[in-house]
PDB file of all heavy atoms in Angstrom:
ATOM      1  N   ASP A   1       0.802  -1.200   0.008  1.00  0.00           N
ATOM      2  CA  ASP A   1       0.011   0.013  -0.038  1.00  0.00           C
ATOM      3  C   ASP A   1       0.859   1.263  -0.013  1.00  0.00           C
ATOM      4  O   ASP A   1       0.776   2.142   0.905  1.00  0.00           O
ATOM      5  CB  ASP A   1      -0.968  -0.005   1.224  1.00  0.00           C
ATOM      6  CG  ASP A   1      -2.073   0.968   1.051  1.00  0.00           C
ATOM      7  OD1 ASP A   1      -2.194   1.582  -0.024  1.00  0.00           O
ATOM      8  OD2 ASP A   1      -2.800   1.194   2.014  1.00  0.00           O
ATOM      9  N   PRO A   2       1.722   1.428  -0.992  1.00  0.00           N
ATOM     10  CA  PRO A   2       2.691   2.585  -0.983  1.00  0.00           C
ATOM     11  C   PRO A   2       2.036   3.926  -1.044  1.00  0.00           C
ATOM     12  O   PRO A   2       2.586   4.880  -0.429  1.00  0.00           O
ATOM     13  CB  PRO A   2       3.534   2.291  -2.253  1.00  0.00           C
ATOM     14  CG  PRO A   2       2.658   1.483  -3.156  1.00  0.00           C
ATOM     15  CD  PRO A   2       1.910   0.589  -2.214  1.00  0.00           C
ATOM     16  N   ASP A   3       0.831   4.052  -1.625  1.00  0.00           N
ATOM     17  CA  ASP A   3       0.113   5.376  -1.684  1.00  0.00           C
ATOM     18  C   ASP A   3      -0.197   5.820  -0.238  1.00  0.00           C
ATOM     19  O   ASP A   3       0.040   6.974   0.081  1.00  0.00           O
ATOM     20  CB  ASP A   3      -1.162   5.258  -2.435  1.00  0.00           C
ATOM     21  CG  ASP A   3      -0.871   5.054  -3.913  1.00  0.00           C
ATOM     22  OD1 ASP A   3      -0.495   6.045  -4.608  1.00  0.00           O
ATOM     23  OD2 ASP A   3      -0.968   3.937  -4.396  1.00  0.00           O
ATOM     24  N   GLN A   4      -0.668   4.869   0.606  1.00  0.00           N
ATOM     25  CA  GLN A   4      -0.952   5.199   2.008  1.00  0.00           C
ATOM     26  C   GLN A   4       0.302   5.399   2.815  1.00  0.00           C
ATOM     27  O   GLN A   4       0.383   6.391   3.563  1.00  0.00           O
ATOM     28  CB  GLN A   4      -1.833   4.112   2.613  1.00  0.00           C
ATOM     29  CG  GLN A   4      -2.105   4.303   4.069  1.00  0.00           C
ATOM     30  CD  GLN A   4      -2.874   5.554   4.355  1.00  0.00           C
ATOM     31  OE1 GLN A   4      -3.812   5.953   3.645  1.00  0.00           O
ATOM     32  NE2 GLN A   4      -2.463   6.257   5.482  1.00  0.00           N
ATOM     33  N   ARG A   5       1.217   4.532   2.668  1.00  0.00           N
ATOM     34  CA  ARG A   5       2.471   4.560   3.448  1.00  0.00           C
ATOM     35  C   ARG A   5       3.265   5.898   3.165  1.00  0.00           C
ATOM     36  O   ARG A   5       3.936   6.394   4.069  1.00  0.00           O
ATOM     37  CB  ARG A   5       3.317   3.381   3.219  1.00  0.00           C
ATOM     38  CG  ARG A   5       2.766   2.101   3.846  1.00  0.00           C
ATOM     39  CD  ARG A   5       2.510   2.247   5.305  1.00  0.00           C
ATOM     40  NE  ARG A   5       2.060   0.968   5.939  1.00  0.00           N
ATOM     41  CZ  ARG A   5       1.762   0.870   7.225  1.00  0.00           C
ATOM     42  NH1 ARG A   5       1.840   1.943   8.011  1.00  0.00           N
ATOM     43  NH2 ARG A   5       1.354  -0.293   7.680  1.00  0.00           N
ATOM     44  N   ALA A   6       3.161   6.411   1.973  1.00  0.00           N
ATOM     45  CA  ALA A   6       3.897   7.588   1.658  1.00  0.00           C
ATOM     46  C   ALA A   6       3.516   8.778   2.501  1.00  0.00           C
ATOM     47  O   ALA A   6       4.246   9.725   2.783  1.00  0.00           O
ATOM     48  CB  ALA A   6       3.736   7.951   0.122  1.00  0.00           C
ATOM     49  N   SER A   7       2.253   8.751   3.037  1.00  0.00           N
ATOM     50  CA  SER A   7       1.747   9.805   3.807  1.00  0.00           C
ATOM     51  C   SER A   7       2.004   9.556   5.338  1.00  0.00           C
ATOM     52  O   SER A   7       1.583  10.348   6.232  1.00  0.00           O
ATOM     53  CB  SER A   7       0.213   9.978   3.618  1.00  0.00           C
ATOM     54  OG  SER A   7      -0.023  10.326   2.256  1.00  0.00           O
ATOM     55  N   ASP A   8       2.654   8.486   5.617  1.00  0.00           N
ATOM     56  CA  ASP A   8       2.965   8.103   7.033  1.00  0.00           C
ATOM     57  C   ASP A   8       4.224   8.822   7.498  1.00  0.00           C
ATOM     58  O   ASP A   8       5.072   9.182   6.677  1.00  0.00           O
ATOM     59  CB  ASP A   8       3.139   6.654   7.233  1.00  0.00           C
ATOM     60  CG  ASP A   8       1.751   5.888   7.234  1.00  0.00           C
ATOM     61  OD1 ASP A   8       0.725   6.539   7.327  1.00  0.00           O
ATOM     62  OD2 ASP A   8       1.807   4.669   7.104  1.00  0.00           O
ATOM     63  N   TYR A   9       4.379   8.967   8.844  1.00  0.00           N
ATOM     64  CA  TYR A   9       5.582   9.521   9.391  1.00  0.00           C
ATOM     65  C   TYR A   9       6.428   8.340   9.852  1.00  0.00           C
ATOM     66  O   TYR A   9       5.928   7.284  10.101  1.00  0.00           O
ATOM     67  CB  TYR A   9       5.245  10.458  10.587  1.00  0.00           C
ATOM     68  CG  TYR A   9       4.531  11.735  10.146  1.00  0.00           C
ATOM     69  CD1 TYR A   9       3.187  11.770  10.056  1.00  0.00           C
ATOM     70  CD2 TYR A   9       5.293  12.880   9.861  1.00  0.00           C
ATOM     71  CE1 TYR A   9       2.562  12.918   9.603  1.00  0.00           C
ATOM     72  CE2 TYR A   9       4.642  14.036   9.458  1.00  0.00           C
ATOM     73  CZ  TYR A   9       3.312  14.076   9.335  1.00  0.00           C
ATOM     74  OH  TYR A   9       2.674  15.235   8.909  1.00  0.00           O
ATOM     75  N   PRO A  10       7.716   8.604   9.993  1.00  0.00           N
ATOM     76  CA  PRO A  10       8.645   7.456  10.337  1.00  0.00           C
ATOM     77  C   PRO A  10       8.213   6.690  11.543  1.00  0.00           C
ATOM     78  O   PRO A  10       8.359   5.428  11.581  1.00  0.00           O
ATOM     79  CB  PRO A  10       9.994   8.188  10.547  1.00  0.00           C
ATOM     80  CG  PRO A  10       9.948   9.375   9.694  1.00  0.00           C
ATOM     81  CD  PRO A  10       8.492   9.814   9.701  1.00  0.00           C
ATOM     82  N   HIS A  11       7.708   7.314  12.588  1.00  0.00           N
ATOM     83  CA  HIS A  11       7.370   6.619  13.815  1.00  0.00           C
ATOM     84  C   HIS A  11       6.177   5.628  13.589  1.00  0.00           C
ATOM     85  O   HIS A  11       5.929   4.769  14.449  1.00  0.00           O
ATOM     86  CB  HIS A  11       6.991   7.578  14.971  1.00  0.00           C
ATOM     87  CG  HIS A  11       5.716   8.303  14.798  1.00  0.00           C
ATOM     88  ND1 HIS A  11       5.609   9.474  14.121  1.00  0.00           N
ATOM     89  CD2 HIS A  11       4.467   7.996  15.189  1.00  0.00           C
ATOM     90  CE1 HIS A  11       4.324   9.943  14.116  1.00  0.00           C
ATOM     91  NE2 HIS A  11       3.645   8.981  14.818  1.00  0.00           N
ATOM     92  N   GLN A  12       5.414   5.814  12.487  1.00  0.00           N
ATOM     93  CA  GLN A  12       4.277   4.940  12.207  1.00  0.00           C
ATOM     94  C   GLN A  12       4.709   3.642  11.531  1.00  0.00           C
ATOM     95  O   GLN A  12       3.793   2.797  11.303  1.00  0.00           O
ATOM     96  CB  GLN A  12       3.238   5.687  11.405  1.00  0.00           C
ATOM     97  CG  GLN A  12       2.659   6.948  12.021  1.00  0.00           C
ATOM     98  CD  GLN A  12       1.694   7.676  11.141  1.00  0.00           C
ATOM     99  OE1 GLN A  12       2.170   8.471  10.305  1.00  0.00           O
ATOM    100  NE2 GLN A  12       0.368   7.436  11.325  1.00  0.00           N
ATOM    101  N   LEU A  13       5.938   3.574  11.163  1.00  0.00           N
ATOM    102  CA  LEU A  13       6.434   2.364  10.460  1.00  0.00           C
ATOM    103  C   LEU A  13       7.263   1.460  11.377  1.00  0.00           C
ATOM    104  O   LEU A  13       7.864   1.898  12.325  1.00  0.00           O
ATOM    105  CB  LEU A  13       7.287   2.766   9.237  1.00  0.00           C
ATOM    106  CG  LEU A  13       6.612   3.741   8.242  1.00  0.00           C
ATOM    107  CD1 LEU A  13       7.579   4.076   7.144  1.00  0.00           C
ATOM    108  CD2 LEU A  13       5.341   3.190   7.745  1.00  0.00           C
ATOM    109  N   SER A  14       7.315   0.207  11.039  1.00  0.00           N
ATOM    110  CA  SER A  14       8.163  -0.741  11.739  1.00  0.00           C
ATOM    111  C   SER A  14       9.650  -0.456  11.350  1.00  0.00           C
ATOM    112  O   SER A  14       9.942   0.222  10.391  1.00  0.00           O
ATOM    113  CB  SER A  14       7.776  -2.176  11.424  1.00  0.00           C
ATOM    114  OG  SER A  14       8.127  -2.472  10.044  1.00  0.00           O
ATOM    115  N   GLY A  15      10.552  -1.099  12.182  1.00  0.00           N
ATOM    116  CA  GLY A  15      11.970  -0.912  11.870  1.00  0.00           C
ATOM    117  C   GLY A  15      12.395  -1.400  10.461  1.00  0.00           C
ATOM    118  O   GLY A  15      13.134  -0.688   9.718  1.00  0.00           O
ATOM    119  N   GLY A  16      11.813  -2.534  10.089  1.00  0.00           N
ATOM    120  CA  GLY A  16      12.074  -3.031   8.713  1.00  0.00           C
ATOM    121  C   GLY A  16      11.573  -2.158   7.655  1.00  0.00           C
ATOM    122  O   GLY A  16      12.219  -1.992   6.604  1.00  0.00           O
ATOM    123  N   MET A  17      10.395  -1.599   7.853  1.00  0.00           N
ATOM    124  CA  MET A  17       9.824  -0.676   6.812  1.00  0.00           C
ATOM    125  C   MET A  17      10.596   0.630   6.736  1.00  0.00           C
ATOM    126  O   MET A  17      10.792   1.069   5.658  1.00  0.00           O
ATOM    127  CB  MET A  17       8.325  -0.440   7.142  1.00  0.00           C
ATOM    128  CG  MET A  17       7.406  -1.616   7.026  1.00  0.00           C
ATOM    129  SD  MET A  17       5.725  -1.331   7.532  1.00  0.00           S
ATOM    130  CE  MET A  17       5.152  -0.237   6.256  1.00  0.00           C
ATOM    131  N   ARG A  18      11.033   1.095   7.923  1.00  0.00           N
ATOM    132  CA  ARG A  18      11.865   2.305   7.874  1.00  0.00           C
ATOM    133  C   ARG A  18      13.141   2.140   7.109  1.00  0.00           C
ATOM    134  O   ARG A  18      13.595   3.004   6.359  1.00  0.00           O
ATOM    135  CB  ARG A  18      12.113   2.779   9.267  1.00  0.00           C
ATOM    136  CG  ARG A  18      10.965   3.399  10.030  1.00  0.00           C
ATOM    137  CD  ARG A  18      11.369   4.201  11.238  1.00  0.00           C
ATOM    138  NE  ARG A  18      11.912   3.290  12.313  1.00  0.00           N
ATOM    139  CZ  ARG A  18      11.155   2.840  13.296  1.00  0.00           C
ATOM    140  NH1 ARG A  18       9.902   3.078  13.399  1.00  0.00           N
ATOM    141  NH2 ARG A  18      11.750   2.063  14.211  1.00  0.00           N
ATOM    142  N   GLN A  19      13.776   0.903   7.264  1.00  0.00           N
ATOM    143  CA  GLN A  19      14.975   0.686   6.524  1.00  0.00           C
ATOM    144  C   GLN A  19      14.662   0.581   5.020  1.00  0.00           C
ATOM    145  O   GLN A  19      15.550   1.011   4.200  1.00  0.00           O
ATOM    146  CB  GLN A  19      15.610  -0.633   7.022  1.00  0.00           C
ATOM    147  CG  GLN A  19      17.005  -0.862   6.565  1.00  0.00           C
ATOM    148  CD  GLN A  19      17.968   0.230   7.030  1.00  0.00           C
ATOM    149  OE1 GLN A  19      17.989   1.298   6.540  1.00  0.00           O
ATOM    150  NE2 GLN A  19      18.776  -0.146   8.021  1.00  0.00           N
ATOM    151  N   ARG A  20      13.549   0.050   4.632  1.00  0.00           N
ATOM    152  CA  ARG A  20      13.159   0.031   3.233  1.00  0.00           C
ATOM    153  C   ARG A  20      12.964   1.470   2.685  1.00  0.00           C
ATOM    154  O   ARG A  20      13.303   1.737   1.498  1.00  0.00           O
ATOM    155  CB  ARG A  20      11.851  -0.789   3.029  1.00  0.00           C
ATOM    156  CG  ARG A  20      12.095  -2.285   3.244  1.00  0.00           C
ATOM    157  CD  ARG A  20      10.755  -3.086   3.197  1.00  0.00           C
ATOM    158  NE  ARG A  20      10.976  -4.475   3.493  1.00  0.00           N
ATOM    159  CZ  ARG A  20      11.181  -5.415   2.582  1.00  0.00           C
ATOM    160  NH1 ARG A  20      11.187  -5.100   1.311  1.00  0.00           N
ATOM    161  NH2 ARG A  20      11.371  -6.669   2.974  1.00  0.00           N
ATOM    162  N   VAL A  21      12.428   2.347   3.503  1.00  0.00           N
ATOM    163  CA  VAL A  21      12.273   3.759   3.173  1.00  0.00           C
ATOM    164  C   VAL A  21      13.666   4.353   2.861  1.00  0.00           C
ATOM    165  O   VAL A  21      13.848   5.110   1.895  1.00  0.00           O
ATOM    166  CB  VAL A  21      11.474   4.560   4.207  1.00  0.00           C
ATOM    167  CG1 VAL A  21      11.579   6.011   3.918  1.00  0.00           C
ATOM    168  CG2 VAL A  21      10.064   4.083   4.271  1.00  0.00           C
ATOM    169  N   VAL A  22      14.586   4.065   3.748  1.00  0.00           N
ATOM    170  CA  VAL A  22      15.972   4.650   3.606  1.00  0.00           C
ATOM    171  C   VAL A  22      16.571   4.082   2.328  1.00  0.00           C
ATOM    172  O   VAL A  22      17.274   4.863   1.564  1.00  0.00           O
ATOM    173  CB  VAL A  22      16.847   4.283   4.848  1.00  0.00           C
ATOM    174  CG1 VAL A  22      18.274   4.658   4.560  1.00  0.00           C
ATOM    175  CG2 VAL A  22      16.307   5.059   6.034  1.00  0.00           C
ATOM    176  N   ILE A  23      16.315   2.820   2.000  1.00  0.00           N
ATOM    177  CA  ILE A  23      16.870   2.228   0.719  1.00  0.00           C
ATOM    178  C   ILE A  23      16.227   2.928  -0.446  1.00  0.00           C
ATOM    179  O   ILE A  23      16.823   3.205  -1.449  1.00  0.00           O
ATOM    180  CB  ILE A  23      16.655   0.726   0.746  1.00  0.00           C
ATOM    181  CG1 ILE A  23      17.517   0.045   1.808  1.00  0.00           C
ATOM    182  CG2 ILE A  23      16.962   0.155  -0.621  1.00  0.00           C
ATOM    183  CD1 ILE A  23      17.235  -1.399   2.041  1.00  0.00           C
ATOM    184  N   ALA A  24      14.902   3.205  -0.357  1.00  0.00           N
ATOM    185  CA  ALA A  24      14.216   3.882  -1.394  1.00  0.00           C
ATOM    186  C   ALA A  24      14.794   5.242  -1.673  1.00  0.00           C
ATOM    187  O   ALA A  24      14.957   5.699  -2.826  1.00  0.00           O
ATOM    188  CB  ALA A  24      12.693   4.020  -1.052  1.00  0.00           C
ATOM    189  N   MET A  25      15.073   6.035  -0.618  1.00  0.00           N
ATOM    190  CA  MET A  25      15.746   7.287  -0.737  1.00  0.00           C
ATOM    191  C   MET A  25      17.129   7.176  -1.435  1.00  0.00           C
ATOM    192  O   MET A  25      17.450   7.990  -2.265  1.00  0.00           O
ATOM    193  CB  MET A  25      15.897   7.960   0.646  1.00  0.00           C
ATOM    194  CG  MET A  25      14.647   8.379   1.284  1.00  0.00           C
ATOM    195  SD  MET A  25      14.885   9.021   2.971  1.00  0.00           S
ATOM    196  CE  MET A  25      15.901  10.465   2.603  1.00  0.00           C
ATOM    197  N   ALA A  26      17.880   6.138  -0.996  1.00  0.00           N
ATOM    198  CA  ALA A  26      19.194   5.960  -1.552  1.00  0.00           C
ATOM    199  C   ALA A  26      19.197   5.648  -3.075  1.00  0.00           C
ATOM    200  O   ALA A  26      20.059   6.080  -3.772  1.00  0.00           O
ATOM    201  CB  ALA A  26      19.968   4.865  -0.797  1.00  0.00           C
ATOM    202  N   LEU A  27      18.130   4.982  -3.530  1.00  0.00           N
ATOM    203  CA  LEU A  27      18.120   4.535  -4.882  1.00  0.00           C
ATOM    204  C   LEU A  27      17.282   5.408  -5.786  1.00  0.00           C
ATOM    205  O   LEU A  27      17.128   5.100  -6.952  1.00  0.00           O
ATOM    206  CB  LEU A  27      17.586   3.049  -4.972  1.00  0.00           C
ATOM    207  CG  LEU A  27      18.412   2.013  -4.253  1.00  0.00           C
ATOM    208  CD1 LEU A  27      17.841   0.627  -4.463  1.00  0.00           C
ATOM    209  CD2 LEU A  27      19.888   2.049  -4.649  1.00  0.00           C
ATOM    210  N   MET A  28      16.743   6.464  -5.222  1.00  0.00           N
ATOM    211  CA  MET A  28      15.839   7.349  -6.029  1.00  0.00           C
ATOM    212  C   MET A  28      16.511   7.840  -7.336  1.00  0.00           C
ATOM    213  O   MET A  28      15.857   7.841  -8.360  1.00  0.00           O
ATOM    214  CB  MET A  28      15.447   8.510  -5.123  1.00  0.00           C
ATOM    215  CG  MET A  28      14.482   9.460  -5.787  1.00  0.00           C
ATOM    216  SD  MET A  28      12.835   8.655  -5.935  1.00  0.00           S
ATOM    217  CE  MET A  28      11.778  10.076  -6.094  1.00  0.00           C
ATOM    218  N   MET A  29      17.793   8.172  -7.261  1.00  0.00           N
ATOM    219  CA  MET A  29      18.441   8.725  -8.430  1.00  0.00           C
ATOM    220  C   MET A  29      19.245   7.611  -9.190  1.00  0.00           C
ATOM    221  O   MET A  29      20.057   7.992 -10.059  1.00  0.00           O
ATOM    222  CB  MET A  29      19.377   9.862  -8.015  1.00  0.00           C
ATOM    223  CG  MET A  29      18.702  11.022  -7.315  1.00  0.00           C
ATOM    224  SD  MET A  29      17.345  11.762  -8.292  1.00  0.00           S
ATOM    225  CE  MET A  29      18.217  12.219  -9.739  1.00  0.00           C
ATOM    226  N   ARG A  30      19.045   6.388  -8.881  1.00  0.00           N
ATOM    227  CA  ARG A  30      19.758   5.279  -9.541  1.00  0.00           C
ATOM    228  C   ARG A  30      21.278   5.539  -9.463  1.00  0.00           C
ATOM    229  O   ARG A  30      21.951   5.632 -10.519  1.00  0.00           O
ATOM    230  CB  ARG A  30      19.341   5.133 -10.977  1.00  0.00           C
ATOM    231  CG  ARG A  30      17.854   4.983 -11.246  1.00  0.00           C
ATOM    232  CD  ARG A  30      17.301   3.687 -10.598  1.00  0.00           C
ATOM    233  NE  ARG A  30      15.922   3.440 -11.129  1.00  0.00           N
ATOM    234  CZ  ARG A  30      14.831   3.793 -10.487  1.00  0.00           C
ATOM    235  NH1 ARG A  30      14.908   4.417  -9.348  1.00  0.00           N
ATOM    236  NH2 ARG A  30      13.629   3.452 -10.985  1.00  0.00           N
TER     237      ARG A  30
END
């Protein structure tokens, strides 16, 4: 559910999901 999760704040996510967010940020520009 990425559309919903994009509107969440970091504290609303689990540790594994937060790490996936950080990976998404890192790979945004390929």
